[in-house]
Amino acid sequence: RVGQADGLPEARRAAGKMSSLADIVKAKCTEAFAISHIDVIDFSDGACSGAKLELIIVSSDFEKVPLIQRHRKVQALLKEDGLMDEKIHALTTPEQWEAKK
């Protein structure tokens, strides 16, 4: 979504003011989806070149949408700004995180 007169997406404009990748992802998702709850937790350990984020989104946009399609929507959104390819190594769903415990 395009923001004010400069034509830049809100998340990209905000990125210069935010201190962490998790904040950028949260802003981008909040801008794109009708979110009632969002958590972005950074589990990066420095062992890999990209970030590891746990992303929990509760959104009416995901009602009756299969899990794989929800993943693809979020990944496509983050790819718009090169976040999936260059910065984020892994996104974990709550189901995946619980299964690992």
PDB file of N, CA and C in Angstrom:
ATOM      1  N   ARG A   1       0.834  -1.183   0.000  1.00  0.00           N
ATOM      2  CA  ARG A   1       0.000   0.000   0.000  1.00  0.00           C
ATOM      3  C   ARG A   1       0.871   1.236   0.000  1.00  0.00           C
ATOM      4  N   VAL A   2       0.471   2.167  -0.753  1.00  0.00           N
ATOM      5  CA  VAL A   2       1.262   3.390  -0.879  1.00  0.00           C
ATOM      6  C   VAL A   2       0.801   4.401   0.154  1.00  0.00           C
ATOM      7  N   GLY A   3       1.766   5.082   0.712  1.00  0.00           N
ATOM      8  CA  GLY A   3       1.483   6.056   1.758  1.00  0.00           C
ATOM      9  C   GLY A   3       1.258   7.442   1.211  1.00  0.00           C
ATOM     10  N   GLN A   4       1.756   8.419   1.912  1.00  0.00           N
ATOM     11  CA  GLN A   4       1.477   9.827   1.659  1.00  0.00           C
ATOM     12  C   GLN A   4       1.991  10.310   0.307  1.00  0.00           C
ATOM     13  N   ALA A   5       2.239  11.594   0.175  1.00  0.00           N
ATOM     14  CA  ALA A   5       2.587  12.233  -1.090  1.00  0.00           C
ATOM     15  C   ALA A   5       3.879  11.704  -1.705  1.00  0.00           C
ATOM     16  N   ASP A   6       4.798  11.181  -0.915  1.00  0.00           N
ATOM     17  CA  ASP A   6       6.062  10.714  -1.487  1.00  0.00           C
ATOM     18  C   ASP A   6       5.916   9.383  -2.221  1.00  0.00           C
ATOM     19  N   GLY A   7       4.760   8.718  -2.087  1.00  0.00           N
ATOM     20  CA  GLY A   7       4.507   7.481  -2.808  1.00  0.00           C
ATOM     21  C   GLY A   7       5.184   6.254  -2.232  1.00  0.00           C
ATOM     22  N   LEU A   8       5.861   6.383  -1.119  1.00  0.00           N
ATOM     23  CA  LEU A   8       6.534   5.241  -0.507  1.00  0.00           C
ATOM     24  C   LEU A   8       5.568   4.446   0.354  1.00  0.00           C
ATOM     25  N   PRO A   9       5.742   3.120   0.395  1.00  0.00           N
ATOM     26  CA  PRO A   9       4.926   2.330   1.320  1.00  0.00           C
ATOM     27  C   PRO A   9       5.182   2.777   2.757  1.00  0.00           C
ATOM     28  N   GLU A  10       4.141   2.757   3.567  1.00  0.00           N
ATOM     29  CA  GLU A  10       4.271   3.171   4.973  1.00  0.00           C
ATOM     30  C   GLU A  10       5.376   2.390   5.682  1.00  0.00           C
ATOM     31  N   ALA A  11       5.428   1.070   5.456  1.00  0.00           N
ATOM     32  CA  ALA A  11       6.419   0.248   6.155  1.00  0.00           C
ATOM     33  C   ALA A  11       7.837   0.644   5.766  1.00  0.00           C
ATOM     34  N   ARG A  12       8.049   0.971   4.495  1.00  0.00           N
ATOM     35  CA  ARG A  12       9.396   1.358   4.068  1.00  0.00           C
ATOM     36  C   ARG A  12       9.772   2.711   4.659  1.00  0.00           C
ATOM     37  N   ARG A  13       8.828   3.654   4.700  1.00  0.00           N
ATOM     38  CA  ARG A  13       9.091   4.964   5.286  1.00  0.00           C
ATOM     39  C   ARG A  13       9.406   4.799   6.768  1.00  0.00           C
ATOM     40  N   ALA A  14       8.649   3.945   7.439  1.00  0.00           N
ATOM     41  CA  ALA A  14       8.839   3.740   8.870  1.00  0.00           C
ATOM     42  C   ALA A  14      10.137   3.002   9.162  1.00  0.00           C
ATOM     43  N   ALA A  15      10.623   2.221   8.204  1.00  0.00           N
ATOM     44  CA  ALA A  15      11.816   1.408   8.431  1.00  0.00           C
ATOM     45  C   ALA A  15      13.009   2.257   8.834  1.00  0.00           C
ATOM     46  N   GLY A  16      13.116   3.442   8.287  1.00  0.00           N
ATOM     47  CA  GLY A  16      14.220   4.308   8.642  1.00  0.00           C
ATOM     48  C   GLY A  16      14.158   4.776  10.077  1.00  0.00           C
ATOM     49  N   LYS A  17      12.987   4.732  10.675  1.00  0.00           N
ATOM     50  CA  LYS A  17      12.797   5.199  12.041  1.00  0.00           C
ATOM     51  C   LYS A  17      12.787   4.051  13.051  1.00  0.00           C
ATOM     52  N   MET A  18      12.726   2.815  12.561  1.00  0.00           N
ATOM     53  CA  MET A  18      12.610   1.675  13.464  1.00  0.00           C
ATOM     54  C   MET A  18      13.971   1.054  13.706  1.00  0.00           C
ATOM     55  N   SER A  19      14.114   0.444  14.862  1.00  0.00           N
ATOM     56  CA  SER A  19      15.416  -0.072  15.239  1.00  0.00           C
ATOM     57  C   SER A  19      15.600  -1.545  14.926  1.00  0.00           C
ATOM     58  N   SER A  20      14.545  -2.294  14.674  1.00  0.00           N
ATOM     59  CA  SER A  20      14.735  -3.728  14.485  1.00  0.00           C
ATOM     60  C   SER A  20      13.930  -4.262  13.311  1.00  0.00           C
ATOM     61  N   LEU A  21      14.406  -5.368  12.781  1.00  0.00           N
ATOM     62  CA  LEU A  21      13.708  -6.035  11.701  1.00  0.00           C
ATOM     63  C   LEU A  21      12.318  -6.470  12.148  1.00  0.00           C
ATOM     64  N   ALA A  22      12.189  -6.910  13.389  1.00  0.00           N
ATOM     65  CA  ALA A  22      10.885  -7.314  13.914  1.00  0.00           C
ATOM     66  C   ALA A  22       9.891  -6.149  13.859  1.00  0.00           C
ATOM     67  N   ASP A  23      10.346  -4.943  14.169  1.00  0.00           N
ATOM     68  CA  ASP A  23       9.477  -3.757  14.092  1.00  0.00           C
ATOM     69  C   ASP A  23       9.044  -3.483  12.656  1.00  0.00           C
ATOM     70  N   ILE A  24       9.967  -3.647  11.718  1.00  0.00           N
ATOM     71  CA  ILE A  24       9.658  -3.422  10.308  1.00  0.00           C
ATOM     72  C   ILE A  24       8.625  -4.426   9.820  1.00  0.00           C
ATOM     73  N   VAL A  25       8.817  -5.704  10.170  1.00  0.00           N
ATOM     74  CA  VAL A  25       7.875  -6.754   9.768  1.00  0.00           C
ATOM     75  C   VAL A  25       6.505  -6.486  10.377  1.00  0.00           C
ATOM     76  N   LYS A  26       6.481  -6.094  11.632  1.00  0.00           N
ATOM     77  CA  LYS A  26       5.209  -5.807  12.300  1.00  0.00           C
ATOM     78  C   LYS A  26       4.481  -4.664  11.599  1.00  0.00           C
ATOM     79  N   ALA A  27       5.191  -3.591  11.272  1.00  0.00           N
ATOM     80  CA  ALA A  27       4.583  -2.443  10.606  1.00  0.00           C
ATOM     81  C   ALA A  27       4.059  -2.830   9.230  1.00  0.00           C
ATOM     82  N   LYS A  28       4.819  -3.600   8.491  1.00  0.00           N
ATOM     83  CA  LYS A  28       4.424  -3.997   7.141  1.00  0.00           C
ATOM     84  C   LYS A  28       3.175  -4.874   7.177  1.00  0.00           C
ATOM     85  N   CYS A  29       3.134  -5.823   8.087  1.00  0.00           N
ATOM     86  CA  CYS A  29       1.971  -6.718   8.210  1.00  0.00           C
ATOM     87  C   CYS A  29       0.741  -5.965   8.701  1.00  0.00           C
ATOM     88  N   THR A  30       0.940  -5.058   9.646  1.00  0.00           N
ATOM     89  CA  THR A  30      -0.172  -4.275  10.180  1.00  0.00           C
ATOM     90  C   THR A  30      -0.781  -3.391   9.096  1.00  0.00           C
ATOM     91  N   GLU A  31       0.059  -2.893   8.211  1.00  0.00           N
ATOM     92  CA  GLU A  31      -0.404  -2.052   7.111  1.00  0.00           C
ATOM     93  C   GLU A  31      -1.190  -2.868   6.076  1.00  0.00           C
ATOM     94  N   ALA A  32      -0.782  -4.118   5.860  1.00  0.00           N
ATOM     95  CA  ALA A  32      -1.342  -4.919   4.768  1.00  0.00           C
ATOM     96  C   ALA A  32      -2.570  -5.738   5.143  1.00  0.00           C
ATOM     97  N   PHE A  33      -2.658  -6.183   6.396  1.00  0.00           N
ATOM     98  CA  PHE A  33      -3.735  -7.077   6.816  1.00  0.00           C
ATOM     99  C   PHE A  33      -4.615  -6.420   7.880  1.00  0.00           C
ATOM    100  N   ALA A  34      -5.864  -6.854   7.947  1.00  0.00           N
ATOM    101  CA  ALA A  34      -6.786  -6.391   8.991  1.00  0.00           C
ATOM    102  C   ALA A  34      -6.469  -7.188  10.261  1.00  0.00           C
ATOM    103  N   ILE A  35      -5.562  -6.672  11.060  1.00  0.00           N
ATOM    104  CA  ILE A  35      -5.018  -7.412  12.197  1.00  0.00           C
ATOM    105  C   ILE A  35      -5.717  -7.050  13.495  1.00  0.00           C
ATOM    106  N   SER A  36      -6.119  -8.102  14.227  1.00  0.00           N
ATOM    107  CA  SER A  36      -6.661  -7.879  15.568  1.00  0.00           C
ATOM    108  C   SER A  36      -5.602  -8.172  16.629  1.00  0.00           C
ATOM    109  N   HIS A  37      -4.550  -8.931  16.250  1.00  0.00           N
ATOM    110  CA  HIS A  37      -3.434  -9.211  17.168  1.00  0.00           C
ATOM    111  C   HIS A  37      -2.213  -9.578  16.337  1.00  0.00           C
ATOM    112  N   ILE A  38      -1.049  -9.077  16.751  1.00  0.00           N
ATOM    113  CA  ILE A  38       0.203  -9.448  16.089  1.00  0.00           C
ATOM    114  C   ILE A  38       1.330  -9.489  17.107  1.00  0.00           C
ATOM    115  N   ASP A  39       2.148 -10.520  17.009  1.00  0.00           N
ATOM    116  CA  ASP A  39       3.386 -10.642  17.783  1.00  0.00           C
ATOM    117  C   ASP A  39       4.485 -10.993  16.794  1.00  0.00           C
ATOM    118  N   VAL A  40       5.601 -10.302  16.888  1.00  0.00           N
ATOM    119  CA  VAL A  40       6.780 -10.637  16.098  1.00  0.00           C
ATOM    120  C   VAL A  40       7.919 -10.783  17.087  1.00  0.00           C
ATOM    121  N   ILE A  41       8.427 -11.997  17.201  1.00  0.00           N
ATOM    122  CA  ILE A  41       9.477 -12.283  18.178  1.00  0.00           C
ATOM    123  C   ILE A  41      10.719 -12.713  17.429  1.00  0.00           C
ATOM    124  N   ASP A  42      11.836 -12.087  17.727  1.00  0.00           N
ATOM    125  CA  ASP A  42      13.104 -12.359  17.060  1.00  0.00           C
ATOM    126  C   ASP A  42      13.871 -13.425  17.838  1.00  0.00           C
ATOM    127  N   PHE A  43      14.067 -14.582  17.201  1.00  0.00           N
ATOM    128  CA  PHE A  43      14.824 -15.681  17.803  1.00  0.00           C
ATOM    129  C   PHE A  43      16.166 -15.869  17.115  1.00  0.00           C
ATOM    130  N   SER A  44      16.641 -14.836  16.438  1.00  0.00           N
ATOM    131  CA  SER A  44      17.919 -14.925  15.733  1.00  0.00           C
ATOM    132  C   SER A  44      19.022 -15.216  16.736  1.00  0.00           C
ATOM    133  N   ASP A  45      19.908 -16.126  16.329  1.00  0.00           N
ATOM    134  CA  ASP A  45      20.978 -16.521  17.244  1.00  0.00           C
ATOM    135  C   ASP A  45      22.356 -16.178  16.698  1.00  0.00           C
ATOM    136  N   GLY A  46      22.398 -15.523  15.549  1.00  0.00           N
ATOM    137  CA  GLY A  46      23.680 -15.156  14.966  1.00  0.00           C
ATOM    138  C   GLY A  46      24.376 -16.301  14.249  1.00  0.00           C
ATOM    139  N   ALA A  47      23.799 -17.501  14.281  1.00  0.00           N
ATOM    140  CA  ALA A  47      24.429 -18.664  13.656  1.00  0.00           C
ATOM    141  C   ALA A  47      24.211 -18.706  12.150  1.00  0.00           C
ATOM    142  N   CYS A  48      23.229 -17.983  11.664  1.00  0.00           N
ATOM    143  CA  CYS A  48      22.966 -17.976  10.227  1.00  0.00           C
ATOM    144  C   CYS A  48      22.969 -16.534   9.727  1.00  0.00           C
ATOM    145  N   SER A  49      22.914 -16.391   8.432  1.00  0.00           N
ATOM    146  CA  SER A  49      23.010 -15.053   7.860  1.00  0.00           C
ATOM    147  C   SER A  49      21.718 -14.260   7.953  1.00  0.00           C
ATOM    148  N   GLY A  50      20.588 -14.920   8.163  1.00  0.00           N
ATOM    149  CA  GLY A  50      19.309 -14.219   8.224  1.00  0.00           C
ATOM    150  C   GLY A  50      18.682 -14.304   9.593  1.00  0.00           C
ATOM    151  N   ALA A  51      17.599 -13.578   9.741  1.00  0.00           N
ATOM    152  CA  ALA A  51      16.876 -13.549  11.001  1.00  0.00           C
ATOM    153  C   ALA A  51      15.936 -14.742  11.113  1.00  0.00           C
ATOM    154  N   LYS A  52      15.609 -15.112  12.327  1.00  0.00           N
ATOM    155  CA  LYS A  52      14.602 -16.128  12.610  1.00  0.00           C
ATOM    156  C   LYS A  52      13.511 -15.442  13.419  1.00  0.00           C
ATOM    157  N   LEU A  53      12.337 -15.326  12.823  1.00  0.00           N
ATOM    158  CA  LEU A  53      11.246 -14.636  13.480  1.00  0.00           C
ATOM    159  C   LEU A  53      10.073 -15.565  13.701  1.00  0.00           C
ATOM    160  N   GLU A  54       9.459 -15.437  14.865  1.00  0.00           N
ATOM    161  CA  GLU A  54       8.174 -16.073  15.108  1.00  0.00           C
ATOM    162  C   GLU A  54       7.138 -14.978  14.886  1.00  0.00           C
ATOM    163  N   LEU A  55       6.211 -15.247  13.984  1.00  0.00           N
ATOM    164  CA  LEU A  55       5.217 -14.253  13.604  1.00  0.00           C
ATOM    165  C   LEU A  55       3.839 -14.833  13.882  1.00  0.00           C
ATOM    166  N   ILE A  56       3.124 -14.176  14.773  1.00  0.00           N
ATOM    167  CA  ILE A  56       1.761 -14.592  15.097  1.00  0.00           C
ATOM    168  C   ILE A  56       0.832 -13.473  14.643  1.00  0.00           C
ATOM    169  N   ILE A  57      -0.023 -13.799  13.693  1.00  0.00           N
ATOM    170  CA  ILE A  57      -0.969 -12.816  13.173  1.00  0.00           C
ATOM    171  C   ILE A  57      -2.374 -13.370  13.318  1.00  0.00           C
ATOM    172  N   VAL A  58      -3.232 -12.597  13.942  1.00  0.00           N
ATOM    173  CA  VAL A  58      -4.655 -12.922  13.997  1.00  0.00           C
ATOM    174  C   VAL A  58      -5.337 -11.875  13.121  1.00  0.00           C
ATOM    175  N   SER A  59      -5.958 -12.345  12.037  1.00  0.00           N
ATOM    176  CA  SER A  59      -6.530 -11.423  11.068  1.00  0.00           C
ATOM    177  C   SER A  59      -7.762 -12.019  10.422  1.00  0.00           C
ATOM    178  N   SER A  60      -8.768 -11.188  10.219  1.00  0.00           N
ATOM    179  CA  SER A  60      -9.954 -11.634   9.501  1.00  0.00           C
ATOM    180  C   SER A  60      -9.615 -11.954   8.045  1.00  0.00           C
ATOM    181  N   ASP A  61      -8.496 -11.424   7.542  1.00  0.00           N
ATOM    182  CA  ASP A  61      -8.057 -11.731   6.182  1.00  0.00           C
ATOM    183  C   ASP A  61      -7.707 -13.208   6.009  1.00  0.00           C
ATOM    184  N   PHE A  62      -7.469 -13.916   7.115  1.00  0.00           N
ATOM    185  CA  PHE A  62      -7.060 -15.308   7.041  1.00  0.00           C
ATOM    186  C   PHE A  62      -8.200 -16.287   7.313  1.00  0.00           C
ATOM    187  N   GLU A  63      -9.405 -15.774   7.539  1.00  0.00           N
ATOM    188  CA  GLU A  63     -10.539 -16.662   7.788  1.00  0.00           C
ATOM    189  C   GLU A  63     -10.773 -17.558   6.573  1.00  0.00           C
ATOM    190  N   LYS A  64     -10.917 -18.836   6.829  1.00  0.00           N
ATOM    191  CA  LYS A  64     -11.181 -19.848   5.799  1.00  0.00           C
ATOM    192  C   LYS A  64     -10.080 -19.935   4.746  1.00  0.00           C
ATOM    193  N   VAL A  65      -8.881 -19.466   5.084  1.00  0.00           N
ATOM    194  CA  VAL A  65      -7.735 -19.556   4.182  1.00  0.00           C
ATOM    195  C   VAL A  65      -6.829 -20.670   4.710  1.00  0.00           C
ATOM    196  N   PRO A  66      -6.499 -21.660   3.876  1.00  0.00           N
ATOM    197  CA  PRO A  66      -5.624 -22.744   4.324  1.00  0.00           C
ATOM    198  C   PRO A  66      -4.273 -22.214   4.822  1.00  0.00           C
ATOM    199  N   LEU A  67      -3.666 -22.942   5.738  1.00  0.00           N
ATOM    200  CA  LEU A  67      -2.413 -22.537   6.369  1.00  0.00           C
ATOM    201  C   LEU A  67      -1.343 -22.193   5.330  1.00  0.00           C
ATOM    202  N   ILE A  68      -1.164 -23.032   4.327  1.00  0.00           N
ATOM    203  CA  ILE A  68      -0.120 -22.777   3.333  1.00  0.00           C
ATOM    204  C   ILE A  68      -0.380 -21.473   2.579  1.00  0.00           C
ATOM    205  N   GLN A  69      -1.640 -21.158   2.333  1.00  0.00           N
ATOM    206  CA  GLN A  69      -1.973 -19.910   1.643  1.00  0.00           C
ATOM    207  C   GLN A  69      -1.720 -18.693   2.539  1.00  0.00           C
ATOM    208  N   ARG A  70      -1.953 -18.858   3.848  1.00  0.00           N
ATOM    209  CA  ARG A  70      -1.637 -17.772   4.790  1.00  0.00           C
ATOM    210  C   ARG A  70      -0.142 -17.493   4.772  1.00  0.00           C
ATOM    211  N   HIS A  71       0.660 -18.568   4.791  1.00  0.00           N
ATOM    212  CA  HIS A  71       2.120 -18.428   4.733  1.00  0.00           C
ATOM    213  C   HIS A  71       2.527 -17.690   3.462  1.00  0.00           C
ATOM    214  N   ARG A  72       1.955 -18.097   2.352  1.00  0.00           N
ATOM    215  CA  ARG A  72       2.323 -17.499   1.065  1.00  0.00           C
ATOM    216  C   ARG A  72       1.961 -16.016   1.008  1.00  0.00           C
ATOM    217  N   LYS A  73       0.822 -15.653   1.590  1.00  0.00           N
ATOM    218  CA  LYS A  73       0.428 -14.240   1.615  1.00  0.00           C
ATOM    219  C   LYS A  73       1.446 -13.401   2.397  1.00  0.00           C
ATOM    220  N   VAL A  74       1.841 -13.895   3.551  1.00  0.00           N
ATOM    221  CA  VAL A  74       2.795 -13.155   4.383  1.00  0.00           C
ATOM    222  C   VAL A  74       4.162 -13.118   3.697  1.00  0.00           C
ATOM    223  N   GLN A  75       4.598 -14.244   3.159  1.00  0.00           N
ATOM    224  CA  GLN A  75       5.895 -14.281   2.492  1.00  0.00           C
ATOM    225  C   GLN A  75       5.917 -13.363   1.270  1.00  0.00           C
ATOM    226  N   ALA A  76       4.847 -13.351   0.489  1.00  0.00           N
ATOM    227  CA  ALA A  76       4.773 -12.471  -0.683  1.00  0.00           C
ATOM    228  C   ALA A  76       4.851 -11.006  -0.257  1.00  0.00           C
ATOM    229  N   LEU A  77       4.167 -10.675   0.819  1.00  0.00           N
ATOM    230  CA  LEU A  77       4.200  -9.308   1.333  1.00  0.00           C
ATOM    231  C   LEU A  77       5.624  -8.904   1.703  1.00  0.00           C
ATOM    232  N   LEU A  78       6.322  -9.784   2.407  1.00  0.00           N
ATOM    233  CA  LEU A  78       7.673  -9.462   2.862  1.00  0.00           C
ATOM    234  C   LEU A  78       8.682  -9.468   1.718  1.00  0.00           C
ATOM    235  N   LYS A  79       8.407 -10.253   0.678  1.00  0.00           N
ATOM    236  CA  LYS A  79       9.292 -10.264  -0.494  1.00  0.00           C
ATOM    237  C   LYS A  79       9.244  -8.958  -1.257  1.00  0.00           C
ATOM    238  N   GLU A  80       8.135  -8.221  -1.154  1.00  0.00           N
ATOM    239  CA  GLU A  80       8.002  -6.937  -1.857  1.00  0.00           C
ATOM    240  C   GLU A  80       9.166  -6.000  -1.553  1.00  0.00           C
ATOM    241  N   ASP A  81       9.634  -6.002  -0.327  1.00  0.00           N
ATOM    242  CA  ASP A  81      10.740  -5.136   0.084  1.00  0.00           C
ATOM    243  C   ASP A  81      12.049  -5.910   0.242  1.00  0.00           C
ATOM    244  N   GLY A  82      12.081  -7.140  -0.270  1.00  0.00           N
ATOM    245  CA  GLY A  82      13.296  -7.938  -0.186  1.00  0.00           C
ATOM    246  C   GLY A  82      13.575  -8.494   1.197  1.00  0.00           C
ATOM    247  N   LEU A  83      12.608  -8.446   2.074  1.00  0.00           N
ATOM    248  CA  LEU A  83      12.841  -8.911   3.448  1.00  0.00           C
ATOM    249  C   LEU A  83      12.975 -10.429   3.527  1.00  0.00           C
ATOM    250  N   MET A  84      12.177 -11.174   2.773  1.00  0.00           N
ATOM    251  CA  MET A  84      12.245 -12.635   2.837  1.00  0.00           C
ATOM    252  C   MET A  84      13.534 -13.147   2.233  1.00  0.00           C
ATOM    253  N   ASP A  85      13.976 -12.543   1.165  1.00  0.00           N
ATOM    254  CA  ASP A  85      15.144 -13.052   0.451  1.00  0.00           C
ATOM    255  C   ASP A  85      16.464 -12.690   1.113  1.00  0.00           C
ATOM    256  N   GLU A  86      16.550 -11.494   1.642  1.00  0.00           N
ATOM    257  CA  GLU A  86      17.839 -11.003   2.110  1.00  0.00           C
ATOM    258  C   GLU A  86      17.997 -10.987   3.623  1.00  0.00           C
ATOM    259  N   LYS A  87      16.912 -10.802   4.342  1.00  0.00           N
ATOM    260  CA  LYS A  87      17.053 -10.575   5.773  1.00  0.00           C
ATOM    261  C   LYS A  87      16.462 -11.673   6.646  1.00  0.00           C
ATOM    262  N   ILE A  88      15.356 -12.265   6.210  1.00  0.00           N
ATOM    263  CA  ILE A  88      14.670 -13.237   7.055  1.00  0.00           C
ATOM    264  C   ILE A  88      14.976 -14.650   6.572  1.00  0.00           C
ATOM    265  N   HIS A  89      15.518 -15.443   7.464  1.00  0.00           N
ATOM    266  CA  HIS A  89      15.873 -16.824   7.154  1.00  0.00           C
ATOM    267  C   HIS A  89      14.684 -17.754   7.374  1.00  0.00           C
ATOM    268  N   ALA A  90      13.917 -17.504   8.404  1.00  0.00           N
ATOM    269  CA  ALA A  90      12.820 -18.416   8.736  1.00  0.00           C
ATOM    270  C   ALA A  90      11.684 -17.672   9.416  1.00  0.00           C
ATOM    271  N   LEU A  91      10.474 -18.070   9.087  1.00  0.00           N
ATOM    272  CA  LEU A  91       9.277 -17.625   9.790  1.00  0.00           C
ATOM    273  C   LEU A  91       8.646 -18.861  10.403  1.00  0.00           C
ATOM    274  N   THR A  92       8.261 -18.765  11.640  1.00  0.00           N
ATOM    275  CA  THR A  92       7.673 -19.900  12.342  1.00  0.00           C
ATOM    276  C   THR A  92       6.232 -19.595  12.702  1.00  0.00           C
ATOM    277  N   THR A  93       5.355 -20.554  12.455  1.00  0.00           N
ATOM    278  CA  THR A  93       3.966 -20.411  12.875  1.00  0.00           C
ATOM    279  C   THR A  93       3.848 -20.876  14.315  1.00  0.00           C
ATOM    280  N   PRO A  94       2.778 -20.482  15.003  1.00  0.00           N
ATOM    281  CA  PRO A  94       2.583 -20.975  16.368  1.00  0.00           C
ATOM    282  C   PRO A  94       2.532 -22.503  16.419  1.00  0.00           C
ATOM    283  N   GLU A  95       1.944 -23.125  15.400  1.00  0.00           N
ATOM    284  CA  GLU A  95       1.857 -24.586  15.377  1.00  0.00           C
ATOM    285  C   GLU A  95       3.244 -25.215  15.295  1.00  0.00           C
ATOM    286  N   GLN A  96       4.102 -24.656  14.445  1.00  0.00           N
ATOM    287  CA  GLN A  96       5.454 -25.172  14.309  1.00  0.00           C
ATOM    288  C   GLN A  96       6.250 -24.984  15.600  1.00  0.00           C
ATOM    289  N   TRP A  97       6.073 -23.839  16.216  1.00  0.00           N
ATOM    290  CA  TRP A  97       6.810 -23.544  17.447  1.00  0.00           C
ATOM    291  C   TRP A  97       6.392 -24.516  18.568  1.00  0.00           C
ATOM    292  N   GLU A  98       5.106 -24.764  18.706  1.00  0.00           N
ATOM    293  CA  GLU A  98       4.621 -25.696  19.724  1.00  0.00           C
ATOM    294  C   GLU A  98       5.136 -27.112  19.468  1.00  0.00           C
ATOM    295  N   ALA A  99       5.205 -27.507  18.209  1.00  0.00           N
ATOM    296  CA  ALA A  99       5.670 -28.851  17.866  1.00  0.00           C
ATOM    297  C   ALA A  99       7.143 -29.045  18.220  1.00  0.00           C
ATOM    298  N   LYS A 100       7.923 -27.983  18.213  1.00  0.00           N
ATOM    299  CA  LYS A 100       9.348 -28.067  18.524  1.00  0.00           C
ATOM    300  C   LYS A 100       9.630 -28.138  20.017  1.00  0.00           C
ATOM    301  N   LYS A 101       8.677 -27.713  20.833  1.00  0.00           N
ATOM    302  CA  LYS A 101       8.893 -27.681  22.293  1.00  0.00           C
ATOM    303  C   LYS A 101       8.983 -29.066  22.855  1.00  0.00           C
TER     304      LYS A 101
END
